[in-house]
C-alpha atoms as a PDB file:
ATOM      1  CA  TYR A   1       7.423  26.021  63.882  1.00  0.00           C
ATOM      2  CA  THR A   2       5.733  22.416  64.375  1.00  0.00           C
ATOM      3  CA  LYS A   3       2.647  20.718  63.201  1.00  0.00           C
ATOM      4  CA  ARG A   4       1.710  20.235  66.956  1.00  0.00           C
ATOM      5  CA  ARG A   5       2.550  23.868  67.694  1.00  0.00           C
ATOM      6  CA  LEU A   6      -0.173  25.079  64.880  1.00  0.00           C
ATOM      7  CA  TYR A   7      -2.763  22.504  65.959  1.00  0.00           C
ATOM      8  CA  GLN A   8      -2.518  23.983  69.501  1.00  0.00           C
ATOM      9  CA  GLN A   9      -2.735  27.727  68.162  1.00  0.00           C
ATOM     10  CA  LEU A  10      -5.351  26.811  66.508  1.00  0.00           C
ATOM     11  CA  VAL A  11      -7.351  24.915  69.068  1.00  0.00           C
ATOM     12  CA  ALA A  12      -6.421  28.321  71.146  1.00  0.00           C
ATOM     13  CA  LEU A  13      -8.184  30.367  68.476  1.00  0.00           C
ATOM     14  CA  CYS A  14     -11.192  28.368  67.701  1.00  0.00           C
ATOM     15  CA  GLY A  15     -11.815  25.550  70.066  1.00  0.00           C
ATOM     16  CA  GLU A  16     -11.098  21.568  70.287  1.00  0.00           C
ATOM     17  CA  ASN A  17     -13.968  21.334  66.737  1.00  0.00           C
ATOM     18  CA  GLY A  18     -13.744  24.605  65.530  1.00  0.00           C
ATOM     19  CA  PHE A  19     -11.491  23.807  62.544  1.00  0.00           C
ATOM     20  CA  GLU A  20     -10.394  20.987  60.023  1.00  0.00           C
ATOM     21  CA  ILE A  21      -7.357  20.609  58.880  1.00  0.00           C
ATOM     22  CA  ASP A  22      -5.906  18.839  55.317  1.00  0.00           C
ATOM     23  CA  ARG A  23      -2.124  18.614  54.557  1.00  0.00           C
ATOM     24  CA  ASN A  24      -0.938  17.503  51.691  1.00  0.00           C
ATOM     25  CA  THR A  25       2.683  17.077  51.421  1.00  0.00           C
ATOM     26  CA  ASP A  26       2.684  16.007  48.005  1.00  0.00           C
ATOM     27  CA  GLU A  27       1.283  19.190  46.524  1.00  0.00           C
ATOM     28  CA  TYR A  28       2.979  21.040  49.008  1.00  0.00           C
ATOM     29  CA  THR A  29      -0.780  22.960  50.267  1.00  0.00           C
ATOM     30  CA  LEU A  30      -2.693  22.753  53.748  1.00  0.00           C
ATOM     31  CA  THR A  31      -6.502  23.454  53.550  1.00  0.00           C
ATOM     32  CA  VAL A  32      -7.684  24.742  57.150  1.00  0.00           C
ATOM     33  CA  LYS A  33     -11.655  25.127  57.547  1.00  0.00           C
ATOM     34  CA  VAL A  34     -12.965  27.137  60.305  1.00  0.00           C
ATOM     35  CA  GLU A  35     -16.142  26.216  61.412  1.00  0.00           C
ATOM     36  CA  LEU A  36     -19.213  28.672  61.836  1.00  0.00           C
ATOM     37  CA  THR A  37     -18.839  28.881  65.457  1.00  0.00           C
ATOM     38  CA  ALA A  38     -15.389  30.349  65.090  1.00  0.00           C
ATOM     39  CA  LYS A  39     -15.869  32.344  62.323  1.00  0.00           C
ATOM     40  CA  ASN A  40     -15.210  35.271  64.217  1.00  0.00           C
ATOM     41  CA  ASN A  41     -11.065  34.553  64.321  1.00  0.00           C
ATOM     42  CA  PHE A  42     -10.988  33.897  60.882  1.00  0.00           C
ATOM     43  CA  ASN A  43      -8.838  36.365  60.185  1.00  0.00           C
ATOM     44  CA  ASP A  44      -6.728  35.815  63.505  1.00  0.00           C
ATOM     45  CA  VAL A  45      -6.196  32.061  61.835  1.00  0.00           C
ATOM     46  CA  GLY A  46      -5.360  33.891  58.449  1.00  0.00           C
ATOM     47  CA  LYS A  47      -2.488  36.007  60.196  1.00  0.00           C
ATOM     48  CA  LEU A  48      -1.766  32.791  62.418  1.00  0.00           C
ATOM     49  CA  LEU A  49      -1.255  30.736  59.021  1.00  0.00           C
ATOM     50  CA  GLU A  50       0.806  33.236  57.240  1.00  0.00           C
ATOM     51  CA  LYS A  51       3.133  33.512  60.096  1.00  0.00           C
ATOM     52  CA  MET A  52       3.677  30.063  60.954  1.00  0.00           C
ATOM     53  CA  VAL A  53       3.083  28.272  57.793  1.00  0.00           C
ATOM     54  CA  PRO A  54       6.680  27.450  55.596  1.00  0.00           C
ATOM     55  CA  VAL A  55       6.176  29.988  52.579  1.00  0.00           C
ATOM     56  CA  ASN A  56       6.449  27.292  49.889  1.00  0.00           C
ATOM     57  CA  THR A  57       3.304  26.106  51.244  1.00  0.00           C
ATOM     58  CA  VAL A  58      -0.037  27.021  49.760  1.00  0.00           C
ATOM     59  CA  ILE A  59      -2.604  28.068  52.223  1.00  0.00           C
ATOM     60  CA  ASP A  60      -6.167  27.724  51.680  1.00  0.00           C
ATOM     61  CA  LEU A  61      -8.166  29.115  54.627  1.00  0.00           C
ATOM     62  CA  ILE A  62     -11.904  28.273  53.982  1.00  0.00           C
ATOM     63  CA  LEU A  63     -15.083  29.140  56.392  1.00  0.00           C
ATOM     64  CA  ARG A  64     -16.896  25.846  56.476  1.00  0.00           C
ATOM     65  CA  TYR A  65     -20.611  27.015  56.181  1.00  0.00           C
ATOM     66  CA  ASN A  66     -23.371  24.985  57.232  1.00  0.00           C
ATOM     67  CA  GLN A  67     -23.960  21.857  55.375  1.00  0.00           C
ATOM     68  CA  HIS A  68     -26.725  19.513  54.254  1.00  0.00           C
ATOM     69  CA  SER A  69     -25.798  16.905  57.234  1.00  0.00           C
ATOM     70  CA  THR A  70     -26.039  19.990  59.771  1.00  0.00           C
ATOM     71  CA  LEU A  71     -29.281  20.912  58.850  1.00  0.00           C
ATOM     72  CA  ALA A  72     -31.048  17.280  58.175  1.00  0.00           C
ATOM     73  CA  GLN A  73     -31.748  17.437  61.946  1.00  0.00           C
ATOM     74  CA  PHE A  74     -34.268  20.354  61.803  1.00  0.00           C
ATOM     75  CA  THR A  75     -37.770  19.788  60.510  1.00  0.00           C
ATOM     76  CA  HIS A  76     -38.812  22.003  57.601  1.00  0.00           C
ATOM     77  CA  ALA A  77     -41.135  24.167  59.606  1.00  0.00           C
ATOM     78  CA  GLN A  78     -37.880  24.938  62.283  1.00  0.00           C
ATOM     79  CA  LEU A  79     -35.747  26.154  58.737  1.00  0.00           C
ATOM     80  CA  ALA A  80     -38.351  28.225  57.497  1.00  0.00           C
ATOM     81  CA  ALA A  81     -37.940  30.277  60.464  1.00  0.00           C
ATOM     82  CA  HIS A  82     -34.542  31.411  59.122  1.00  0.00           C
ATOM     83  CA  THR A  83     -33.357  32.750  56.202  1.00  0.00           C
ATOM     84  CA  HIS A  84     -31.412  31.393  53.456  1.00  0.00           C
ATOM     85  CA  TYR A  85     -28.062  33.391  54.842  1.00  0.00           C
ATOM     86  CA  GLN A  86     -28.926  32.611  58.138  1.00  0.00           C
ATOM     87  CA  LEU A  87     -29.263  28.870  57.025  1.00  0.00           C
ATOM     88  CA  ARG A  88     -25.683  29.072  55.137  1.00  0.00           C
ATOM     89  CA  ASN A  89     -24.083  31.259  57.110  1.00  0.00           C
ATOM     90  CA  GLU A  90     -24.846  31.157  61.269  1.00  0.00           C
ATOM     91  CA  VAL A  91     -25.342  28.454  64.008  1.00  0.00           C
ATOM     92  CA  ILE A  92     -28.647  26.821  63.528  1.00  0.00           C
ATOM     93  CA  THR A  93     -29.213  25.681  67.278  1.00  0.00           C
END
């Protein structure tokens, strides 16, 4: 499989902005961070990577939790309406 085909498959599963991919050719690692908006497809992404990525490459699949920069746009009162679990693990709008 090609990098382009892998990217197309990830877009189909997660959406255009539903993932972040980082390839380190020196260390033979591939890191894929799945956004919370696409977390329902996390297991499917793992299966896809196992199928498409060469066996000599280490796959690091991560769920990308909410970051401070994402939550900083909300007021304290808005954030107080959610639990810590929700703030970390769910899409906050």
